[in-house]
Amino acid sequence: MPQGSWLGGLSFLALTNDLTTGCLIHKYVDDTTLSEVLESKIQDSYMQAFIENLLDWADRNDMQVNTAKTKEMILVPLARSDLPILLLGVYI
């Protein structure tokens, strides 16, 4: 299927429908974002475990995570800097 076609995005969503990692997952066309909300700075992050779950799923489904396009982003609200939100954009 050609990249960028209408059916390409639809087939990606169908192929990744069973993707679960233990955290919030946002899928749009061929992008997947894992997100975790930390209630305080001292709360432990489980993002490493979520990523390992994602890599296991990708391996079982004969897919590869494009690590060159994978980014980590930490978002902190201006008014409440003690509540960071971790987002990881994952490209399969």
PDB file of N, CA and C in Angstrom:
ATOM      1  N   MET A   1       0.841  -1.165   0.000  1.00  0.00           N
ATOM      2  CA  MET A   1       0.000   0.000   0.000  1.00  0.00           C
ATOM      3  C   MET A   1       0.899   1.244   0.000  1.00  0.00           C
ATOM      4  N   PRO A   2       0.645   2.203  -0.853  1.00  0.00           N
ATOM      5  CA  PRO A   2       1.487   3.400  -0.915  1.00  0.00           C
ATOM      6  C   PRO A   2       1.418   4.221   0.371  1.00  0.00           C
ATOM      7  N   GLN A   3       2.583   4.752   0.774  1.00  0.00           N
ATOM      8  CA  GLN A   3       2.626   5.600   1.961  1.00  0.00           C
ATOM      9  C   GLN A   3       1.840   6.871   1.691  1.00  0.00           C
ATOM     10  N   GLY A   4       1.060   7.291   2.663  1.00  0.00           N
ATOM     11  CA  GLY A   4       0.272   8.508   2.536  1.00  0.00           C
ATOM     12  C   GLY A   4      -1.104   8.291   1.950  1.00  0.00           C
ATOM     13  N   SER A   5      -1.429   7.055   1.568  1.00  0.00           N
ATOM     14  CA  SER A   5      -2.752   6.801   0.997  1.00  0.00           C
ATOM     15  C   SER A   5      -3.795   6.735   2.109  1.00  0.00           C
ATOM     16  N   TRP A   6      -5.034   6.899   1.740  1.00  0.00           N
ATOM     17  CA  TRP A   6      -6.136   6.860   2.694  1.00  0.00           C
ATOM     18  C   TRP A   6      -6.216   5.484   3.332  1.00  0.00           C
ATOM     19  N   LEU A   7      -6.042   4.433   2.554  1.00  0.00           N
ATOM     20  CA  LEU A   7      -6.112   3.079   3.093  1.00  0.00           C
ATOM     21  C   LEU A   7      -4.912   2.749   3.974  1.00  0.00           C
ATOM     22  N   GLY A   8      -3.777   3.418   3.759  1.00  0.00           N
ATOM     23  CA  GLY A   8      -2.595   3.185   4.587  1.00  0.00           C
ATOM     24  C   GLY A   8      -2.858   3.521   6.037  1.00  0.00           C
ATOM     25  N   GLY A   9      -3.427   4.687   6.296  1.00  0.00           N
ATOM     26  CA  GLY A   9      -3.753   5.096   7.664  1.00  0.00           C
ATOM     27  C   GLY A   9      -4.813   4.213   8.292  1.00  0.00           C
ATOM     28  N   LEU A  10      -5.814   3.858   7.504  1.00  0.00           N
ATOM     29  CA  LEU A  10      -6.885   3.004   8.003  1.00  0.00           C
ATOM     30  C   LEU A  10      -6.354   1.614   8.345  1.00  0.00           C
ATOM     31  N   SER A  11      -5.491   1.068   7.482  1.00  0.00           N
ATOM     32  CA  SER A  11      -4.938  -0.263   7.765  1.00  0.00           C
ATOM     33  C   SER A  11      -4.020  -0.217   8.990  1.00  0.00           C
ATOM     34  N   PHE A  12      -3.274   0.883   9.183  1.00  0.00           N
ATOM     35  CA  PHE A  12      -2.439   1.018  10.378  1.00  0.00           C
ATOM     36  C   PHE A  12      -3.294   0.974  11.634  1.00  0.00           C
ATOM     37  N   LEU A  13      -4.397   1.702  11.627  1.00  0.00           N
ATOM     38  CA  LEU A  13      -5.278   1.704  12.805  1.00  0.00           C
ATOM     39  C   LEU A  13      -5.859   0.318  13.053  1.00  0.00           C
ATOM     40  N   ALA A  14      -6.190  -0.412  11.990  1.00  0.00           N
ATOM     41  CA  ALA A  14      -6.708  -1.772  12.157  1.00  0.00           C
ATOM     42  C   ALA A  14      -5.628  -2.701  12.708  1.00  0.00           C
ATOM     43  N   LEU A  15      -4.391  -2.555  12.220  1.00  0.00           N
ATOM     44  CA  LEU A  15      -3.300  -3.416  12.661  1.00  0.00           C
ATOM     45  C   LEU A  15      -2.872  -3.124  14.096  1.00  0.00           C
ATOM     46  N   THR A  16      -3.054  -1.903  14.555  1.00  0.00           N
ATOM     47  CA  THR A  16      -2.631  -1.533  15.909  1.00  0.00           C
ATOM     48  C   THR A  16      -3.797  -1.476  16.888  1.00  0.00           C
ATOM     49  N   ASN A  17      -4.954  -1.976  16.475  1.00  0.00           N
ATOM     50  CA  ASN A  17      -6.141  -1.915  17.317  1.00  0.00           C
ATOM     51  C   ASN A  17      -5.945  -2.631  18.653  1.00  0.00           C
ATOM     52  N   ASP A  18      -5.160  -3.710  18.671  1.00  0.00           N
ATOM     53  CA  ASP A  18      -4.971  -4.483  19.910  1.00  0.00           C
ATOM     54  C   ASP A  18      -3.776  -4.025  20.735  1.00  0.00           C
ATOM     55  N   LEU A  19      -3.151  -2.917  20.369  1.00  0.00           N
ATOM     56  CA  LEU A  19      -1.984  -2.414  21.092  1.00  0.00           C
ATOM     57  C   LEU A  19      -2.388  -1.904  22.475  1.00  0.00           C
ATOM     58  N   THR A  20      -1.811  -2.514  23.507  1.00  0.00           N
ATOM     59  CA  THR A  20      -1.989  -2.048  24.881  1.00  0.00           C
ATOM     60  C   THR A  20      -0.629  -2.080  25.563  1.00  0.00           C
ATOM     61  N   THR A  21      -0.358  -1.084  26.378  1.00  0.00           N
ATOM     62  CA  THR A  21       0.931  -1.009  27.052  1.00  0.00           C
ATOM     63  C   THR A  21       0.799  -0.785  28.555  1.00  0.00           C
ATOM     64  N   GLY A  22      -0.379  -0.432  29.019  1.00  0.00           N
ATOM     65  CA  GLY A  22      -0.571  -0.142  30.432  1.00  0.00           C
ATOM     66  C   GLY A  22      -0.688   1.344  30.723  1.00  0.00           C
ATOM     67  N   CYS A  23      -0.562   2.181  29.694  1.00  0.00           N
ATOM     68  CA  CYS A  23      -0.700   3.626  29.886  1.00  0.00           C
ATOM     69  C   CYS A  23      -1.657   4.172  28.832  1.00  0.00           C
ATOM     70  N   LEU A  24      -1.883   5.474  28.861  1.00  0.00           N
ATOM     71  CA  LEU A  24      -2.739   6.110  27.857  1.00  0.00           C
ATOM     72  C   LEU A  24      -2.065   6.050  26.493  1.00  0.00           C
ATOM     73  N   ILE A  25      -2.813   5.644  25.483  1.00  0.00           N
ATOM     74  CA  ILE A  25      -2.296   5.560  24.115  1.00  0.00           C
ATOM     75  C   ILE A  25      -3.185   6.403  23.225  1.00  0.00           C
ATOM     76  N   HIS A  26      -2.569   7.251  22.421  1.00  0.00           N
ATOM     77  CA  HIS A  26      -3.283   8.089  21.464  1.00  0.00           C
ATOM     78  C   HIS A  26      -2.765   7.720  20.082  1.00  0.00           C
ATOM     79  N   LYS A  27      -3.665   7.279  19.204  1.00  0.00           N
ATOM     80  CA  LYS A  27      -3.275   6.873  17.855  1.00  0.00           C
ATOM     81  C   LYS A  27      -3.940   7.805  16.853  1.00  0.00           C
ATOM     82  N   TYR A  28      -3.156   8.258  15.887  1.00  0.00           N
ATOM     83  CA  TYR A  28      -3.682   9.085  14.813  1.00  0.00           C
ATOM     84  C   TYR A  28      -2.933   8.722  13.538  1.00  0.00           C
ATOM     85  N   VAL A  29      -3.644   8.216  12.583  1.00  0.00           N
ATOM     86  CA  VAL A  29      -3.114   7.747  11.302  1.00  0.00           C
ATOM     87  C   VAL A  29      -1.936   6.818  11.572  1.00  0.00           C
ATOM     88  N   ASP A  30      -0.687   7.242  11.355  1.00  0.00           N
ATOM     89  CA  ASP A  30       0.438   6.332  11.576  1.00  0.00           C
ATOM     90  C   ASP A  30       1.305   6.760  12.754  1.00  0.00           C
ATOM     91  N   ASP A  31       0.782   7.566  13.645  1.00  0.00           N
ATOM     92  CA  ASP A  31       1.509   7.999  14.840  1.00  0.00           C
ATOM     93  C   ASP A  31       0.843   7.409  16.087  1.00  0.00           C
ATOM     94  N   THR A  32       1.664   7.059  17.040  1.00  0.00           N
ATOM     95  CA  THR A  32       1.173   6.556  18.317  1.00  0.00           C
ATOM     96  C   THR A  32       1.882   7.320  19.427  1.00  0.00           C
ATOM     97  N   THR A  33       1.127   7.807  20.392  1.00  0.00           N
ATOM     98  CA  THR A  33       1.694   8.542  21.517  1.00  0.00           C
ATOM     99  C   THR A  33       1.336   7.830  22.810  1.00  0.00           C
ATOM    100  N   LEU A  34       2.350   7.537  23.600  1.00  0.00           N
ATOM    101  CA  LEU A  34       2.140   6.992  24.935  1.00  0.00           C
ATOM    102  C   LEU A  34       2.220   8.155  25.911  1.00  0.00           C
ATOM    103  N   SER A  35       1.320   8.220  26.870  1.00  0.00           N
ATOM    104  CA  SER A  35       1.379   9.320  27.825  1.00  0.00           C
ATOM    105  C   SER A  35       1.149   8.814  29.239  1.00  0.00           C
ATOM    106  N   GLU A  36       1.773   9.524  30.157  1.00  0.00           N
ATOM    107  CA  GLU A  36       1.683   9.193  31.576  1.00  0.00           C
ATOM    108  C   GLU A  36       1.575  10.500  32.349  1.00  0.00           C
ATOM    109  N   VAL A  37       0.641  10.561  33.255  1.00  0.00           N
ATOM    110  CA  VAL A  37       0.483  11.731  34.114  1.00  0.00           C
ATOM    111  C   VAL A  37       1.075  11.396  35.474  1.00  0.00           C
ATOM    112  N   LEU A  38       2.017  12.208  35.914  1.00  0.00           N
ATOM    113  CA  LEU A  38       2.608  12.031  37.242  1.00  0.00           C
ATOM    114  C   LEU A  38       2.012  13.091  38.157  1.00  0.00           C
ATOM    115  N   GLU A  39       1.494  12.662  39.273  1.00  0.00           N
ATOM    116  CA  GLU A  39       0.824  13.579  40.188  1.00  0.00           C
ATOM    117  C   GLU A  39       1.794  14.469  40.958  1.00  0.00           C
ATOM    118  N   SER A  40       3.033  14.033  41.125  1.00  0.00           N
ATOM    119  CA  SER A  40       4.018  14.859  41.822  1.00  0.00           C
ATOM    120  C   SER A  40       5.408  14.524  41.301  1.00  0.00           C
ATOM    121  N   LYS A  41       6.367  15.359  41.644  1.00  0.00           N
ATOM    122  CA  LYS A  41       7.741  15.141  41.188  1.00  0.00           C
ATOM    123  C   LYS A  41       8.357  13.894  41.806  1.00  0.00           C
ATOM    124  N   ILE A  42       7.866  13.456  42.944  1.00  0.00           N
ATOM    125  CA  ILE A  42       8.464  12.300  43.600  1.00  0.00           C
ATOM    126  C   ILE A  42       7.829  10.978  43.159  1.00  0.00           C
ATOM    127  N   GLN A  43       6.745  11.034  42.406  1.00  0.00           N
ATOM    128  CA  GLN A  43       6.099   9.811  41.928  1.00  0.00           C
ATOM    129  C   GLN A  43       6.977   9.145  40.870  1.00  0.00           C
ATOM    130  N   ASP A  44       7.113   7.830  40.970  1.00  0.00           N
ATOM    131  CA  ASP A  44       7.915   7.088  39.997  1.00  0.00           C
ATOM    132  C   ASP A  44       7.205   7.013  38.658  1.00  0.00           C
ATOM    133  N   SER A  45       7.987   7.089  37.589  1.00  0.00           N
ATOM    134  CA  SER A  45       7.467   6.922  36.243  1.00  0.00           C
ATOM    135  C   SER A  45       7.588   5.458  35.843  1.00  0.00           C
ATOM    136  N   TYR A  46       6.585   4.961  35.154  1.00  0.00           N
ATOM    137  CA  TYR A  46       6.604   3.594  34.637  1.00  0.00           C
ATOM    138  C   TYR A  46       6.754   3.585  33.126  1.00  0.00           C
ATOM    139  N   MET A  47       7.204   4.696  32.549  1.00  0.00           N
ATOM    140  CA  MET A  47       7.302   4.800  31.100  1.00  0.00           C
ATOM    141  C   MET A  47       8.242   3.747  30.516  1.00  0.00           C
ATOM    142  N   GLN A  48       9.321   3.415  31.210  1.00  0.00           N
ATOM    143  CA  GLN A  48      10.233   2.387  30.694  1.00  0.00           C
ATOM    144  C   GLN A  48       9.508   1.049  30.535  1.00  0.00           C
ATOM    145  N   ALA A  49       8.683   0.684  31.499  1.00  0.00           N
ATOM    146  CA  ALA A  49       7.913  -0.559  31.408  1.00  0.00           C
ATOM    147  C   ALA A  49       6.897  -0.485  30.271  1.00  0.00           C
ATOM    148  N   PHE A  50       6.273   0.681  30.086  1.00  0.00           N
ATOM    149  CA  PHE A  50       5.317   0.851  28.989  1.00  0.00           C
ATOM    150  C   PHE A  50       6.014   0.690  27.641  1.00  0.00           C
ATOM    151  N   ILE A  51       7.211   1.235  27.520  1.00  0.00           N
ATOM    152  CA  ILE A  51       7.968   1.119  26.274  1.00  0.00           C
ATOM    153  C   ILE A  51       8.355  -0.337  26.026  1.00  0.00           C
ATOM    154  N   GLU A  52       8.759  -1.041  27.081  1.00  0.00           N
ATOM    155  CA  GLU A  52       9.085  -2.458  26.932  1.00  0.00           C
ATOM    156  C   GLU A  52       7.867  -3.251  26.480  1.00  0.00           C
ATOM    157  N   ASN A  53       6.683  -2.931  27.006  1.00  0.00           N
ATOM    158  CA  ASN A  53       5.444  -3.571  26.556  1.00  0.00           C
ATOM    159  C   ASN A  53       5.191  -3.276  25.083  1.00  0.00           C
ATOM    160  N   LEU A  54       5.438  -2.029  24.678  1.00  0.00           N
ATOM    161  CA  LEU A  54       5.260  -1.654  23.278  1.00  0.00           C
ATOM    162  C   LEU A  54       6.218  -2.430  22.384  1.00  0.00           C
ATOM    163  N   LEU A  55       7.480  -2.542  22.785  1.00  0.00           N
ATOM    164  CA  LEU A  55       8.465  -3.266  21.987  1.00  0.00           C
ATOM    165  C   LEU A  55       8.119  -4.754  21.896  1.00  0.00           C
ATOM    166  N   ASP A  56       7.628  -5.338  22.981  1.00  0.00           N
ATOM    167  CA  ASP A  56       7.185  -6.735  22.950  1.00  0.00           C
ATOM    168  C   ASP A  56       6.025  -6.912  21.970  1.00  0.00           C
ATOM    169  N   TRP A  57       5.055  -5.993  22.035  1.00  0.00           N
ATOM    170  CA  TRP A  57       3.906  -6.059  21.129  1.00  0.00           C
ATOM    171  C   TRP A  57       4.370  -5.932  19.677  1.00  0.00           C
ATOM    172  N   ALA A  58       5.249  -4.974  19.411  1.00  0.00           N
ATOM    173  CA  ALA A  58       5.743  -4.774  18.044  1.00  0.00           C
ATOM    174  C   ALA A  58       6.452  -6.023  17.539  1.00  0.00           C
ATOM    175  N   ASP A  59       7.248  -6.654  18.390  1.00  0.00           N
ATOM    176  CA  ASP A  59       7.955  -7.872  17.997  1.00  0.00           C
ATOM    177  C   ASP A  59       6.971  -8.998  17.681  1.00  0.00           C
ATOM    178  N   ARG A  60       5.957  -9.177  18.509  1.00  0.00           N
ATOM    179  CA  ARG A  60       4.950 -10.222  18.268  1.00  0.00           C
ATOM    180  C   ARG A  60       4.159  -9.981  16.992  1.00  0.00           C
ATOM    181  N   ASN A  61       4.028  -8.724  16.586  1.00  0.00           N
ATOM    182  CA  ASN A  61       3.229  -8.375  15.407  1.00  0.00           C
ATOM    183  C   ASN A  61       4.084  -8.045  14.185  1.00  0.00           C
ATOM    184  N   ASP A  62       5.351  -8.443  14.222  1.00  0.00           N
ATOM    185  CA  ASP A  62       6.277  -8.237  13.099  1.00  0.00           C
ATOM    186  C   ASP A  62       6.350  -6.772  12.664  1.00  0.00           C
ATOM    187  N   MET A  63       6.385  -5.879  13.641  1.00  0.00           N
ATOM    188  CA  MET A  63       6.540  -4.451  13.375  1.00  0.00           C
ATOM    189  C   MET A  63       7.799  -3.957  14.060  1.00  0.00           C
ATOM    190  N   GLN A  64       8.304  -2.833  13.607  1.00  0.00           N
ATOM    191  CA  GLN A  64       9.482  -2.231  14.211  1.00  0.00           C
ATOM    192  C   GLN A  64       9.161  -0.810  14.642  1.00  0.00           C
ATOM    193  N   VAL A  65       9.679  -0.428  15.790  1.00  0.00           N
ATOM    194  CA  VAL A  65       9.557   0.951  16.255  1.00  0.00           C
ATOM    195  C   VAL A  65      10.683   1.748  15.601  1.00  0.00           C
ATOM    196  N   ASN A  66      10.336   2.833  14.958  1.00  0.00           N
ATOM    197  CA  ASN A  66      11.325   3.686  14.310  1.00  0.00           C
ATOM    198  C   ASN A  66      11.950   4.582  15.381  1.00  0.00           C
ATOM    199  N   THR A  67      13.070   4.138  15.931  1.00  0.00           N
ATOM    200  CA  THR A  67      13.702   4.876  17.024  1.00  0.00           C
ATOM    201  C   THR A  67      14.260   6.222  16.575  1.00  0.00           C
ATOM    202  N   ALA A  68      14.523   6.381  15.289  1.00  0.00           N
ATOM    203  CA  ALA A  68      15.019   7.668  14.792  1.00  0.00           C
ATOM    204  C   ALA A  68      13.947   8.749  14.898  1.00  0.00           C
ATOM    205  N   LYS A  69      12.680   8.355  14.886  1.00  0.00           N
ATOM    206  CA  LYS A  69      11.580   9.326  14.975  1.00  0.00           C
ATOM    207  C   LYS A  69      10.929   9.352  16.360  1.00  0.00           C
ATOM    208  N   THR A  70      11.404   8.523  17.269  1.00  0.00           N
ATOM    209  CA  THR A  70      10.815   8.445  18.607  1.00  0.00           C
ATOM    210  C   THR A  70      11.400   9.537  19.490  1.00  0.00           C
ATOM    211  N   LYS A  71      10.536  10.284  20.144  1.00  0.00           N
ATOM    212  CA  LYS A  71      10.948  11.409  20.991  1.00  0.00           C
ATOM    213  C   LYS A  71      10.291  11.312  22.360  1.00  0.00           C
ATOM    214  N   GLU A  72      10.969  11.873  23.345  1.00  0.00           N
ATOM    215  CA  GLU A  72      10.391  12.014  24.677  1.00  0.00           C
ATOM    216  C   GLU A  72      10.149  13.491  24.919  1.00  0.00           C
ATOM    217  N   MET A  73       8.970  13.795  25.440  1.00  0.00           N
ATOM    218  CA  MET A  73       8.633  15.191  25.700  1.00  0.00           C
ATOM    219  C   MET A  73       8.051  15.289  27.099  1.00  0.00           C
ATOM    220  N   ILE A  74       8.552  16.204  27.883  1.00  0.00           N
ATOM    221  CA  ILE A  74       8.025  16.442  29.220  1.00  0.00           C
ATOM    222  C   ILE A  74       7.289  17.777  29.186  1.00  0.00           C
ATOM    223  N   LEU A  75       6.018  17.742  29.528  1.00  0.00           N
ATOM    224  CA  LEU A  75       5.192  18.944  29.541  1.00  0.00           C
ATOM    225  C   LEU A  75       4.862  19.300  30.976  1.00  0.00           C
ATOM    226  N   VAL A  76       5.054  20.549  31.320  1.00  0.00           N
ATOM    227  CA  VAL A  76       4.782  21.016  32.669  1.00  0.00           C
ATOM    228  C   VAL A  76       3.872  22.237  32.575  1.00  0.00           C
ATOM    229  N   PRO A  77       2.712  22.198  33.221  1.00  0.00           N
ATOM    230  CA  PRO A  77       1.847  23.381  33.215  1.00  0.00           C
ATOM    231  C   PRO A  77       2.558  24.564  33.864  1.00  0.00           C
ATOM    232  N   LEU A  78       2.402  25.752  33.302  1.00  0.00           N
ATOM    233  CA  LEU A  78       3.062  26.936  33.834  1.00  0.00           C
ATOM    234  C   LEU A  78       2.616  27.251  35.254  1.00  0.00           C
ATOM    235  N   ALA A  79       1.343  27.091  35.522  1.00  0.00           N
ATOM    236  CA  ALA A  79       0.818  27.464  36.831  1.00  0.00           C
ATOM    237  C   ALA A  79       1.158  26.433  37.911  1.00  0.00           C
ATOM    238  N   ARG A  80       1.409  25.178  37.512  1.00  0.00           N
ATOM    239  CA  ARG A  80       1.642  24.127  38.505  1.00  0.00           C
ATOM    240  C   ARG A  80       2.817  23.276  38.051  1.00  0.00           C
ATOM    241  N   SER A  81       3.998  23.771  38.230  1.00  0.00           N
ATOM    242  CA  SER A  81       5.191  23.086  37.733  1.00  0.00           C
ATOM    243  C   SER A  81       5.498  21.785  38.459  1.00  0.00           C
ATOM    244  N   ASP A  82       4.734  21.437  39.491  1.00  0.00           N
ATOM    245  CA  ASP A  82       4.971  20.175  40.203  1.00  0.00           C
ATOM    246  C   ASP A  82       4.176  19.007  39.601  1.00  0.00           C
ATOM    247  N   LEU A  83       3.486  19.223  38.472  1.00  0.00           N
ATOM    248  CA  LEU A  83       2.693  18.166  37.849  1.00  0.00           C
ATOM    249  C   LEU A  83       3.141  17.913  36.411  1.00  0.00           C
ATOM    250  N   PRO A  84       4.283  17.271  36.206  1.00  0.00           N
ATOM    251  CA  PRO A  84       4.725  17.028  34.832  1.00  0.00           C
ATOM    252  C   PRO A  84       3.912  15.933  34.162  1.00  0.00           C
ATOM    253  N   ILE A  85       3.728  16.064  32.865  1.00  0.00           N
ATOM    254  CA  ILE A  85       3.072  15.048  32.052  1.00  0.00           C
ATOM    255  C   ILE A  85       4.115  14.543  31.067  1.00  0.00           C
ATOM    256  N   LEU A  86       4.338  13.245  31.041  1.00  0.00           N
ATOM    257  CA  LEU A  86       5.324  12.673  30.132  1.00  0.00           C
ATOM    258  C   LEU A  86       4.610  12.127  28.906  1.00  0.00           C
ATOM    259  N   LEU A  87       5.070  12.534  27.743  1.00  0.00           N
ATOM    260  CA  LEU A  87       4.523  12.026  26.491  1.00  0.00           C
ATOM    261  C   LEU A  87       5.665  11.422  25.685  1.00  0.00           C
ATOM    262  N   LEU A  88       5.410  10.316  25.066  1.00  0.00           N
ATOM    263  CA  LEU A  88       6.400   9.681  24.214  1.00  0.00           C
ATOM    264  C   LEU A  88       5.747   9.424  22.885  1.00  0.00           C
ATOM    265  N   GLY A  89       6.216  10.071  21.841  1.00  0.00           N
ATOM    266  CA  GLY A  89       5.711   9.817  20.490  1.00  0.00           C
ATOM    267  C   GLY A  89       6.440   8.616  19.923  1.00  0.00           C
ATOM    268  N   VAL A  90       5.695   7.614  19.523  1.00  0.00           N
ATOM    269  CA  VAL A  90       6.276   6.383  19.011  1.00  0.00           C
ATOM    270  C   VAL A  90       5.837   6.194  17.579  1.00  0.00           C
ATOM    271  N   TYR A  91       6.771   5.874  16.722  1.00  0.00           N
ATOM    272  CA  TYR A  91       6.473   5.657  15.313  1.00  0.00           C
ATOM    273  C   TYR A  91       6.744   4.212  14.977  1.00  0.00           C
ATOM    274  N   ILE A  92       5.704   3.501  14.533  1.00  0.00           N
ATOM    275  CA  ILE A  92       5.842   2.104  14.167  1.00  0.00           C
ATOM    276  C   ILE A  92       5.754   1.998  12.658  1.00  0.00           C
TER     277      ILE A  92
END
